Amino acid sequence: MTAEFKALPVERNQCGYWTHPLYDEFCDGRESISPDEFNAWLDKRGLEWTVVYRDEDDVDSDVDGYDISAWQPETPDGDGWFVGSIHDTEDGAVCIWLRNVGGTA
């Protein structure tokens, strides 16, 4: 039986990172996951997703480095979005937003 996937309080670490425990369990330390596998995982849980990227033009990499704690990602339009993960990538900081299909939490 799969655990219910719902919003949890986001308690970011000192560098500003946080990942939902069930999302973290799925990723299992992997650096990349195929779109087919990710979409199947979402479908099984009745979730949809979107990603918000930090505007890297507003960041001084010499000062901020990997610290994304000051970044407050904007919630996507619509109801029911919750944070799946806030982390840095080779393309910059991202926030993965999740919600139950249909926009209800």
PDB file of N, CA and C in Angstrom:
ATOM      1  N   MET A   1       0.835  -1.180   0.000  1.00  0.00           N
ATOM      2  CA  MET A   1       0.000   0.000   0.000  1.00  0.00           C
ATOM      3  C   MET A   1       0.883   1.249   0.000  1.00  0.00           C
ATOM      4  N   THR A   2       0.544   2.211  -0.833  1.00  0.00           N
ATOM      5  CA  THR A   2       1.309   3.432  -0.968  1.00  0.00           C
ATOM      6  C   THR A   2       0.849   4.457   0.062  1.00  0.00           C
ATOM      7  N   ALA A   3       1.796   5.146   0.688  1.00  0.00           N
ATOM      8  CA  ALA A   3       1.455   6.184   1.659  1.00  0.00           C
ATOM      9  C   ALA A   3       0.774   7.350   0.953  1.00  0.00           C
ATOM     10  N   GLU A   4      -0.172   7.978   1.661  1.00  0.00           N
ATOM     11  CA  GLU A   4      -0.863   9.133   1.109  1.00  0.00           C
ATOM     12  C   GLU A   4       0.116  10.290   0.972  1.00  0.00           C
ATOM     13  N   PHE A   5       0.048  10.956  -0.147  1.00  0.00           N
ATOM     14  CA  PHE A   5       0.958  12.055  -0.436  1.00  0.00           C
ATOM     15  C   PHE A   5       0.212  13.349  -0.198  1.00  0.00           C
ATOM     16  N   LYS A   6       0.629  14.088   0.829  1.00  0.00           N
ATOM     17  CA  LYS A   6      -0.029  15.361   1.126  1.00  0.00           C
ATOM     18  C   LYS A   6       1.009  16.369   1.575  1.00  0.00           C
ATOM     19  N   ALA A   7       0.573  17.614   1.627  1.00  0.00           N
ATOM     20  CA  ALA A   7       1.460  18.701   2.020  1.00  0.00           C
ATOM     21  C   ALA A   7       1.982  18.490   3.436  1.00  0.00           C
ATOM     22  N   LEU A   8       3.239  18.846   3.630  1.00  0.00           N
ATOM     23  CA  LEU A   8       3.872  18.828   4.945  1.00  0.00           C
ATOM     24  C   LEU A   8       4.476  20.204   5.202  1.00  0.00           C
ATOM     25  N   PRO A   9       4.691  20.555   6.471  1.00  0.00           N
ATOM     26  CA  PRO A   9       5.386  21.813   6.751  1.00  0.00           C
ATOM     27  C   PRO A   9       6.785  21.775   6.125  1.00  0.00           C
ATOM     28  N   VAL A  10       7.143  22.855   5.464  1.00  0.00           N
ATOM     29  CA  VAL A  10       8.453  22.946   4.808  1.00  0.00           C
ATOM     30  C   VAL A  10       9.436  23.539   5.807  1.00  0.00           C
ATOM     31  N   GLU A  11      10.384  22.723   6.225  1.00  0.00           N
ATOM     32  CA  GLU A  11      11.412  23.152   7.174  1.00  0.00           C
ATOM     33  C   GLU A  11      12.763  23.076   6.463  1.00  0.00           C
ATOM     34  N   ARG A  12      13.110  24.179   5.813  1.00  0.00           N
ATOM     35  CA  ARG A  12      14.320  24.213   5.006  1.00  0.00           C
ATOM     36  C   ARG A  12      15.574  24.189   5.881  1.00  0.00           C
ATOM     37  N   ASN A  13      16.616  23.540   5.356  1.00  0.00           N
ATOM     38  CA  ASN A  13      17.883  23.494   6.097  1.00  0.00           C
ATOM     39  C   ASN A  13      18.588  24.842   5.998  1.00  0.00           C
ATOM     40  N   GLN A  14      19.763  24.943   6.574  1.00  0.00           N
ATOM     41  CA  GLN A  14      20.478  26.220   6.640  1.00  0.00           C
ATOM     42  C   GLN A  14      20.789  26.788   5.252  1.00  0.00           C
ATOM     43  N   CYS A  15      20.915  25.952   4.242  1.00  0.00           N
ATOM     44  CA  CYS A  15      21.165  26.436   2.880  1.00  0.00           C
ATOM     45  C   CYS A  15      19.870  26.628   2.084  1.00  0.00           C
ATOM     46  N   GLY A  16      18.721  26.332   2.690  1.00  0.00           N
ATOM     47  CA  GLY A  16      17.438  26.577   2.039  1.00  0.00           C
ATOM     48  C   GLY A  16      16.843  25.392   1.318  1.00  0.00           C
ATOM     49  N   TYR A  17      17.414  24.196   1.474  1.00  0.00           N
ATOM     50  CA  TYR A  17      16.934  23.011   0.780  1.00  0.00           C
ATOM     51  C   TYR A  17      15.890  22.278   1.622  1.00  0.00           C
ATOM     52  N   TRP A  18      14.948  21.651   0.954  1.00  0.00           N
ATOM     53  CA  TRP A  18      13.975  20.789   1.628  1.00  0.00           C
ATOM     54  C   TRP A  18      13.354  19.866   0.587  1.00  0.00           C
ATOM     55  N   THR A  19      13.104  18.623   0.962  1.00  0.00           N
ATOM     56  CA  THR A  19      12.445  17.671   0.080  1.00  0.00           C
ATOM     57  C   THR A  19      11.417  16.880   0.883  1.00  0.00           C
ATOM     58  N   HIS A  20      10.223  16.770   0.316  1.00  0.00           N
ATOM     59  CA  HIS A  20       9.162  15.975   0.938  1.00  0.00           C
ATOM     60  C   HIS A  20       9.685  14.552   1.100  1.00  0.00           C
ATOM     61  N   PRO A  21       9.485  13.925   2.257  1.00  0.00           N
ATOM     62  CA  PRO A  21      10.051  12.582   2.480  1.00  0.00           C
ATOM     63  C   PRO A  21       9.620  11.538   1.451  1.00  0.00           C
ATOM     64  N   LEU A  22       8.386  11.577   0.970  1.00  0.00           N
ATOM     65  CA  LEU A  22       7.947  10.594  -0.025  1.00  0.00           C
ATOM     66  C   LEU A  22       8.563  10.869  -1.401  1.00  0.00           C
ATOM     67  N   TYR A  23       8.778  12.135  -1.724  1.00  0.00           N
ATOM     68  CA  TYR A  23       9.452  12.501  -2.967  1.00  0.00           C
ATOM     69  C   TYR A  23      10.920  12.067  -2.880  1.00  0.00           C
ATOM     70  N   ASP A  24      11.525  12.300  -1.724  1.00  0.00           N
ATOM     71  CA  ASP A  24      12.914  11.911  -1.504  1.00  0.00           C
ATOM     72  C   ASP A  24      13.076  10.393  -1.609  1.00  0.00           C
ATOM     73  N   GLU A  25      12.121   9.655  -1.057  1.00  0.00           N
ATOM     74  CA  GLU A  25      12.147   8.191  -1.132  1.00  0.00           C
ATOM     75  C   GLU A  25      12.104   7.725  -2.590  1.00  0.00           C
ATOM     76  N   PHE A  26      11.263   8.371  -3.401  1.00  0.00           N
ATOM     77  CA  PHE A  26      11.176   8.019  -4.819  1.00  0.00           C
ATOM     78  C   PHE A  26      12.498   8.327  -5.532  1.00  0.00           C
ATOM     79  N   CYS A  27      13.058   9.503  -5.285  1.00  0.00           N
ATOM     80  CA  CYS A  27      14.299   9.894  -5.973  1.00  0.00           C
ATOM     81  C   CYS A  27      15.476   9.034  -5.546  1.00  0.00           C
ATOM     82  N   ASP A  28      15.509   8.621  -4.301  1.00  0.00           N
ATOM     83  CA  ASP A  28      16.503   7.678  -3.790  1.00  0.00           C
ATOM     84  C   ASP A  28      17.939   8.064  -4.156  1.00  0.00           C
ATOM     85  N   GLY A  29      18.246   9.371  -4.082  1.00  0.00           N
ATOM     86  CA  GLY A  29      19.609   9.823  -4.338  1.00  0.00           C
ATOM     87  C   GLY A  29      20.011   9.898  -5.792  1.00  0.00           C
ATOM     88  N   ARG A  30      19.108   9.548  -6.701  1.00  0.00           N
ATOM     89  CA  ARG A  30      19.450   9.584  -8.127  1.00  0.00           C
ATOM     90  C   ARG A  30      19.526  11.022  -8.627  1.00  0.00           C
ATOM     91  N   GLU A  31      20.458  11.281  -9.526  1.00  0.00           N
ATOM     92  CA  GLU A  31      20.591  12.618 -10.105  1.00  0.00           C
ATOM     93  C   GLU A  31      19.593  12.864 -11.221  1.00  0.00           C
ATOM     94  N   SER A  32      19.126  11.814 -11.856  1.00  0.00           N
ATOM     95  CA  SER A  32      18.138  11.997 -12.915  1.00  0.00           C
ATOM     96  C   SER A  32      17.169  10.816 -12.922  1.00  0.00           C
ATOM     97  N   ILE A  33      15.958  11.121 -13.348  1.00  0.00           N
ATOM     98  CA  ILE A  33      14.888  10.123 -13.444  1.00  0.00           C
ATOM     99  C   ILE A  33      14.214  10.341 -14.779  1.00  0.00           C
ATOM    100  N   SER A  34      13.924   9.279 -15.480  1.00  0.00           N
ATOM    101  CA  SER A  34      13.319   9.425 -16.807  1.00  0.00           C
ATOM    102  C   SER A  34      11.930  10.039 -16.677  1.00  0.00           C
ATOM    103  N   PRO A  35      11.530  10.833 -17.666  1.00  0.00           N
ATOM    104  CA  PRO A  35      10.183  11.409 -17.639  1.00  0.00           C
ATOM    105  C   PRO A  35       9.089  10.341 -17.544  1.00  0.00           C
ATOM    106  N   ASP A  36       9.276   9.208 -18.211  1.00  0.00           N
ATOM    107  CA  ASP A  36       8.270   8.139 -18.154  1.00  0.00           C
ATOM    108  C   ASP A  36       8.118   7.598 -16.737  1.00  0.00           C
ATOM    109  N   GLU A  37       9.246   7.370 -16.050  1.00  0.00           N
ATOM    110  CA  GLU A  37       9.188   6.864 -14.687  1.00  0.00           C
ATOM    111  C   GLU A  37       8.554   7.900 -13.760  1.00  0.00           C
ATOM    112  N   PHE A  38       8.933   9.171 -13.916  1.00  0.00           N
ATOM    113  CA  PHE A  38       8.389  10.225 -13.069  1.00  0.00           C
ATOM    114  C   PHE A  38       6.883  10.372 -13.289  1.00  0.00           C
ATOM    115  N   ASN A  39       6.452  10.368 -14.558  1.00  0.00           N
ATOM    116  CA  ASN A  39       5.023  10.496 -14.855  1.00  0.00           C
ATOM    117  C   ASN A  39       4.224   9.308 -14.330  1.00  0.00           C
ATOM    118  N   ALA A  40       4.774   8.111 -14.404  1.00  0.00           N
ATOM    119  CA  ALA A  40       4.090   6.929 -13.865  1.00  0.00           C
ATOM    120  C   ALA A  40       3.961   7.033 -12.348  1.00  0.00           C
ATOM    121  N   TRP A  41       5.004   7.519 -11.694  1.00  0.00           N
ATOM    122  CA  TRP A  41       4.977   7.700 -10.246  1.00  0.00           C
ATOM    123  C   TRP A  41       3.903   8.723  -9.857  1.00  0.00           C
ATOM    124  N   LEU A  42       3.843   9.843 -10.588  1.00  0.00           N
ATOM    125  CA  LEU A  42       2.822  10.860 -10.326  1.00  0.00           C
ATOM    126  C   LEU A  42       1.417  10.300 -10.538  1.00  0.00           C
ATOM    127  N   ASP A  43       1.224   9.607 -11.668  1.00  0.00           N
ATOM    128  CA  ASP A  43      -0.099   9.045 -11.985  1.00  0.00           C
ATOM    129  C   ASP A  43      -0.573   8.086 -10.901  1.00  0.00           C
ATOM    130  N   LYS A  44       0.324   7.261 -10.413  1.00  0.00           N
ATOM    131  CA  LYS A  44      -0.023   6.276  -9.386  1.00  0.00           C
ATOM    132  C   LYS A  44      -0.513   6.959  -8.105  1.00  0.00           C
ATOM    133  N   ARG A  45      -0.019   8.154  -7.850  1.00  0.00           N
ATOM    134  CA  ARG A  45      -0.378   8.888  -6.645  1.00  0.00           C
ATOM    135  C   ARG A  45      -1.437   9.959  -6.890  1.00  0.00           C
ATOM    136  N   GLY A  46      -1.898  10.082  -8.124  1.00  0.00           N
ATOM    137  CA  GLY A  46      -2.917  11.079  -8.445  1.00  0.00           C
ATOM    138  C   GLY A  46      -2.410  12.503  -8.334  1.00  0.00           C
ATOM    139  N   LEU A  47      -1.132  12.704  -8.704  1.00  0.00           N
ATOM    140  CA  LEU A  47      -0.506  14.017  -8.588  1.00  0.00           C
ATOM    141  C   LEU A  47      -0.199  14.621  -9.944  1.00  0.00           C
ATOM    142  N   GLU A  48      -0.114  15.933  -9.960  1.00  0.00           N
ATOM    143  CA  GLU A  48       0.451  16.657 -11.087  1.00  0.00           C
ATOM    144  C   GLU A  48       1.555  17.553 -10.540  1.00  0.00           C
ATOM    145  N   TRP A  49       2.383  18.099 -11.420  1.00  0.00           N
ATOM    146  CA  TRP A  49       3.524  18.867 -10.960  1.00  0.00           C
ATOM    147  C   TRP A  49       3.798  20.045 -11.869  1.00  0.00           C
ATOM    148  N   THR A  50       4.541  20.976 -11.333  1.00  0.00           N
ATOM    149  CA  THR A  50       5.102  22.075 -12.109  1.00  0.00           C
ATOM    150  C   THR A  50       6.398  22.470 -11.421  1.00  0.00           C
ATOM    151  N   VAL A  51       7.221  23.194 -12.123  1.00  0.00           N
ATOM    152  CA  VAL A  51       8.506  23.608 -11.566  1.00  0.00           C
ATOM    153  C   VAL A  51       8.632  25.125 -11.691  1.00  0.00           C
ATOM    154  N   VAL A  52       9.210  25.735 -10.658  1.00  0.00           N
ATOM    155  CA  VAL A  52       9.515  27.159 -10.657  1.00  0.00           C
ATOM    156  C   VAL A  52      11.029  27.282 -10.516  1.00  0.00           C
ATOM    157  N   TYR A  53      11.631  28.045 -11.410  1.00  0.00           N
ATOM    158  CA  TYR A  53      13.074  28.270 -11.371  1.00  0.00           C
ATOM    159  C   TYR A  53      13.380  29.613 -10.726  1.00  0.00           C
ATOM    160  N   ARG A  54      14.420  29.657  -9.921  1.00  0.00           N
ATOM    161  CA  ARG A  54      14.881  30.940  -9.374  1.00  0.00           C
ATOM    162  C   ARG A  54      15.498  31.731 -10.510  1.00  0.00           C
ATOM    163  N   ASP A  55      15.259  33.039 -10.524  1.00  0.00           N
ATOM    164  CA  ASP A  55      15.857  33.916 -11.527  1.00  0.00           C
ATOM    165  C   ASP A  55      17.326  34.090 -11.173  1.00  0.00           C
ATOM    166  N   GLU A  56      18.180  33.389 -11.883  1.00  0.00           N
ATOM    167  CA  GLU A  56      19.612  33.382 -11.572  1.00  0.00           C
ATOM    168  C   GLU A  56      20.270  34.736 -11.835  1.00  0.00           C
ATOM    169  N   ASP A  57      19.597  35.631 -12.581  1.00  0.00           N
ATOM    170  CA  ASP A  57      20.145  36.970 -12.802  1.00  0.00           C
ATOM    171  C   ASP A  57      20.112  37.808 -11.523  1.00  0.00           C
ATOM    172  N   ASP A  58      19.277  37.418 -10.560  1.00  0.00           N
ATOM    173  CA  ASP A  58      19.154  38.143  -9.295  1.00  0.00           C
ATOM    174  C   ASP A  58      20.085  37.599  -8.218  1.00  0.00           C
ATOM    175  N   VAL A  59      20.975  36.676  -8.576  1.00  0.00           N
ATOM    176  CA  VAL A  59      21.812  35.991  -7.598  1.00  0.00           C
ATOM    177  C   VAL A  59      23.272  36.338  -7.835  1.00  0.00           C
ATOM    178  N   ASP A  60      23.977  36.642  -6.778  1.00  0.00           N
ATOM    179  CA  ASP A  60      25.421  36.841  -6.845  1.00  0.00           C
ATOM    180  C   ASP A  60      26.071  35.526  -6.428  1.00  0.00           C
ATOM    181  N   SER A  61      26.530  34.747  -7.403  1.00  0.00           N
ATOM    182  CA  SER A  61      27.059  33.414  -7.104  1.00  0.00           C
ATOM    183  C   SER A  61      28.282  33.458  -6.199  1.00  0.00           C
ATOM    184  N   ASP A  62      29.023  34.565  -6.198  1.00  0.00           N
ATOM    185  CA  ASP A  62      30.175  34.684  -5.302  1.00  0.00           C
ATOM    186  C   ASP A  62      29.730  34.815  -3.847  1.00  0.00           C
ATOM    187  N   VAL A  63      28.553  35.386  -3.631  1.00  0.00           N
ATOM    188  CA  VAL A  63      28.036  35.578  -2.273  1.00  0.00           C
ATOM    189  C   VAL A  63      27.114  34.423  -1.886  1.00  0.00           C
ATOM    190  N   ASP A  64      26.162  34.101  -2.760  1.00  0.00           N
ATOM    191  CA  ASP A  64      25.141  33.123  -2.444  1.00  0.00           C
ATOM    192  C   ASP A  64      25.609  31.684  -2.604  1.00  0.00           C
ATOM    193  N   GLY A  65      26.425  31.409  -3.613  1.00  0.00           N
ATOM    194  CA  GLY A  65      26.871  30.038  -3.858  1.00  0.00           C
ATOM    195  C   GLY A  65      25.689  29.094  -3.924  1.00  0.00           C
ATOM    196  N   TYR A  66      25.735  28.027  -3.125  1.00  0.00           N
ATOM    197  CA  TYR A  66      24.656  27.044  -3.109  1.00  0.00           C
ATOM    198  C   TYR A  66      23.578  27.385  -2.084  1.00  0.00           C
ATOM    199  N   ASP A  67      23.712  28.518  -1.421  1.00  0.00           N
ATOM    200  CA  ASP A  67      22.741  28.931  -0.408  1.00  0.00           C
ATOM    201  C   ASP A  67      21.526  29.540  -1.099  1.00  0.00           C
ATOM    202  N   ILE A  68      20.402  28.851  -1.006  1.00  0.00           N
ATOM    203  CA  ILE A  68      19.169  29.349  -1.622  1.00  0.00           C
ATOM    204  C   ILE A  68      18.137  29.709  -0.550  1.00  0.00           C
ATOM    205  N   SER A  69      18.614  29.894   0.687  1.00  0.00           N
ATOM    206  CA  SER A  69      17.702  30.123   1.806  1.00  0.00           C
ATOM    207  C   SER A  69      16.919  31.422   1.692  1.00  0.00           C
ATOM    208  N   ALA A  70      17.443  32.420   1.005  1.00  0.00           N
ATOM    209  CA  ALA A  70      16.733  33.694   0.865  1.00  0.00           C
ATOM    210  C   ALA A  70      15.642  33.623  -0.207  1.00  0.00           C
ATOM    211  N   TRP A  71      15.703  32.624  -1.069  1.00  0.00           N
ATOM    212  CA  TRP A  71      14.737  32.512  -2.161  1.00  0.00           C
ATOM    213  C   TRP A  71      13.409  31.978  -1.645  1.00  0.00           C
ATOM    214  N   GLN A  72      12.343  32.688  -1.947  1.00  0.00           N
ATOM    215  CA  GLN A  72      10.985  32.258  -1.606  1.00  0.00           C
ATOM    216  C   GLN A  72      10.235  32.015  -2.909  1.00  0.00           C
ATOM    217  N   PRO A  73      10.188  30.771  -3.387  1.00  0.00           N
ATOM    218  CA  PRO A  73       9.554  30.491  -4.678  1.00  0.00           C
ATOM    219  C   PRO A  73       8.068  30.855  -4.667  1.00  0.00           C
ATOM    220  N   GLU A  74       7.646  31.421  -5.771  1.00  0.00           N
ATOM    221  CA  GLU A  74       6.247  31.825  -5.905  1.00  0.00           C
ATOM    222  C   GLU A  74       5.364  30.607  -6.176  1.00  0.00           C
ATOM    223  N   THR A  75       4.261  30.537  -5.448  1.00  0.00           N
ATOM    224  CA  THR A  75       3.302  29.443  -5.635  1.00  0.00           C
ATOM    225  C   THR A  75       2.651  29.578  -7.011  1.00  0.00           C
ATOM    226  N   PRO A  76       2.542  28.487  -7.757  1.00  0.00           N
ATOM    227  CA  PRO A  76       1.888  28.539  -9.072  1.00  0.00           C
ATOM    228  C   PRO A  76       0.414  28.940  -8.942  1.00  0.00           C
ATOM    229  N   ASP A  77      -0.147  29.415 -10.040  1.00  0.00           N
ATOM    230  CA  ASP A  77      -1.571  29.739 -10.075  1.00  0.00           C
ATOM    231  C   ASP A  77      -2.395  28.482  -9.853  1.00  0.00           C
ATOM    232  N   GLY A  78      -3.519  28.638  -9.198  1.00  0.00           N
ATOM    233  CA  GLY A  78      -4.405  27.514  -8.950  1.00  0.00           C
ATOM    234  C   GLY A  78      -4.339  27.075  -7.494  1.00  0.00           C
ATOM    235  N   ASP A  79      -5.241  26.192  -7.125  1.00  0.00           N
ATOM    236  CA  ASP A  79      -5.359  25.733  -5.743  1.00  0.00           C
ATOM    237  C   ASP A  79      -4.605  24.427  -5.502  1.00  0.00           C
ATOM    238  N   GLY A  80      -4.230  24.211  -4.259  1.00  0.00           N
ATOM    239  CA  GLY A  80      -3.745  22.913  -3.821  1.00  0.00           C
ATOM    240  C   GLY A  80      -2.268  22.630  -3.997  1.00  0.00           C
ATOM    241  N   TRP A  81      -1.472  23.570  -4.489  1.00  0.00           N
ATOM    242  CA  TRP A  81      -0.046  23.317  -4.700  1.00  0.00           C
ATOM    243  C   TRP A  81       0.688  23.229  -3.376  1.00  0.00           C
ATOM    244  N   PHE A  82       1.619  22.287  -3.275  1.00  0.00           N
ATOM    245  CA  PHE A  82       2.498  22.186  -2.118  1.00  0.00           C
ATOM    246  C   PHE A  82       3.893  21.807  -2.594  1.00  0.00           C
ATOM    247  N   VAL A  83       4.878  22.089  -1.751  1.00  0.00           N
ATOM    248  CA  VAL A  83       6.276  21.889  -2.130  1.00  0.00           C
ATOM    249  C   VAL A  83       6.630  20.413  -2.101  1.00  0.00           C
ATOM    250  N   GLY A  84       7.187  19.938  -3.218  1.00  0.00           N
ATOM    251  CA  GLY A  84       7.758  18.596  -3.290  1.00  0.00           C
ATOM    252  C   GLY A  84       9.240  18.635  -2.980  1.00  0.00           C
ATOM    253  N   SER A  85       9.914  19.684  -3.486  1.00  0.00           N
ATOM    254  CA  SER A  85      11.342  19.820  -3.229  1.00  0.00           C
ATOM    255  C   SER A  85      11.804  21.221  -3.612  1.00  0.00           C
ATOM    256  N   ILE A  86      12.706  21.747  -2.803  1.00  0.00           N
ATOM    257  CA  ILE A  86      13.433  22.970  -3.136  1.00  0.00           C
ATOM    258  C   ILE A  86      14.895  22.574  -3.102  1.00  0.00           C
ATOM    259  N   HIS A  87      15.564  22.691  -4.248  1.00  0.00           N
ATOM    260  CA  HIS A  87      16.954  22.266  -4.300  1.00  0.00           C
ATOM    261  C   HIS A  87      17.673  22.957  -5.449  1.00  0.00           C
ATOM    262  N   ASP A  88      18.967  22.799  -5.491  1.00  0.00           N
ATOM    263  CA  ASP A  88      19.783  23.379  -6.549  1.00  0.00           C
ATOM    264  C   ASP A  88      20.053  22.312  -7.606  1.00  0.00           C
ATOM    265  N   THR A  89      20.150  22.746  -8.838  1.00  0.00           N
ATOM    266  CA  THR A  89      20.489  21.862  -9.949  1.00  0.00           C
ATOM    267  C   THR A  89      21.610  22.509 -10.746  1.00  0.00           C
ATOM    268  N   GLU A  90      22.123  21.817 -11.735  1.00  0.00           N
ATOM    269  CA  GLU A  90      23.161  22.430 -12.575  1.00  0.00           C
ATOM    270  C   GLU A  90      22.594  23.591 -13.392  1.00  0.00           C
ATOM    271  N   ASP A  91      21.260  23.661 -13.500  1.00  0.00           N
ATOM    272  CA  ASP A  91      20.610  24.766 -14.201  1.00  0.00           C
ATOM    273  C   ASP A  91      20.125  25.855 -13.260  1.00  0.00           C
ATOM    274  N   GLY A  92      20.439  25.739 -11.969  1.00  0.00           N
ATOM    275  CA  GLY A  92      20.015  26.722 -10.978  1.00  0.00           C
ATOM    276  C   GLY A  92      19.017  26.126 -10.005  1.00  0.00           C
ATOM    277  N   ALA A  93      18.609  26.944  -9.053  1.00  0.00           N
ATOM    278  CA  ALA A  93      17.694  26.498  -8.014  1.00  0.00           C
ATOM    279  C   ALA A  93      16.287  26.301  -8.575  1.00  0.00           C
ATOM    280  N   VAL A  94      15.605  25.265  -8.074  1.00  0.00           N
ATOM    281  CA  VAL A  94      14.242  24.957  -8.513  1.00  0.00           C
ATOM    282  C   VAL A  94      13.369  24.640  -7.309  1.00  0.00           C
ATOM    283  N   CYS A  95      12.081  24.855  -7.506  1.00  0.00           N
ATOM    284  CA  CYS A  95      11.083  24.376  -6.565  1.00  0.00           C
ATOM    285  C   CYS A  95      10.128  23.498  -7.355  1.00  0.00           C
ATOM    286  N   ILE A  96      10.029  22.246  -6.956  1.00  0.00           N
ATOM    287  CA  ILE A  96       9.088  21.317  -7.573  1.00  0.00           C
ATOM    288  C   ILE A  96       7.786  21.414  -6.768  1.00  0.00           C
ATOM    289  N   TRP A  97       6.736  21.866  -7.431  1.00  0.00           N
ATOM    290  CA  TRP A  97       5.423  21.984  -6.806  1.00  0.00           C
ATOM    291  C   TRP A  97       4.584  20.796  -7.217  1.00  0.00           C
ATOM    292  N   LEU A  98       3.835  20.243  -6.277  1.00  0.00           N
ATOM    293  CA  LEU A  98       2.949  19.114  -6.522  1.00  0.00           C
ATOM    294  C   LEU A  98       1.534  19.473  -6.066  1.00  0.00           C
ATOM    295  N   ARG A  99       0.546  18.812  -6.640  1.00  0.00           N
ATOM    296  CA  ARG A  99      -0.812  18.904  -6.127  1.00  0.00           C
ATOM    297  C   ARG A  99      -1.586  17.695  -6.618  1.00  0.00           C
ATOM    298  N   ASN A 100      -2.646  17.403  -5.883  1.00  0.00           N
ATOM    299  CA  ASN A 100      -3.528  16.337  -6.306  1.00  0.00           C
ATOM    300  C   ASN A 100      -4.212  16.750  -7.606  1.00  0.00           C
ATOM    301  N   VAL A 101      -4.391  15.812  -8.505  1.00  0.00           N
ATOM    302  CA  VAL A 101      -5.035  16.102  -9.785  1.00  0.00           C
ATOM    303  C   VAL A 101      -6.393  16.721  -9.500  1.00  0.00           C
ATOM    304  N   GLY A 102      -6.680  17.814 -10.168  1.00  0.00           N
ATOM    305  CA  GLY A 102      -7.928  18.521  -9.930  1.00  0.00           C
ATOM    306  C   GLY A 102      -7.743  19.739  -9.035  1.00  0.00           C
ATOM    307  N   GLY A 103      -6.545  19.900  -8.481  1.00  0.00           N
ATOM    308  CA  GLY A 103      -6.235  21.094  -7.735  1.00  0.00           C
ATOM    309  C   GLY A 103      -6.699  21.132  -6.298  1.00  0.00           C
ATOM    310  N   THR A 104      -6.992  19.985  -5.712  1.00  0.00           N
ATOM    311  CA  THR A 104      -7.381  19.987  -4.307  1.00  0.00           C
ATOM    312  C   THR A 104      -6.313  19.324  -3.475  1.00  0.00           C
ATOM    313  N   ALA A 105      -6.134  19.824  -2.292  1.00  0.00           N
ATOM    314  CA  ALA A 105      -5.099  19.276  -1.413  1.00  0.00           C
ATOM    315  C   ALA A 105      -5.635  18.142  -0.569  1.00  0.00           C
TER     316      ALA A 105
END
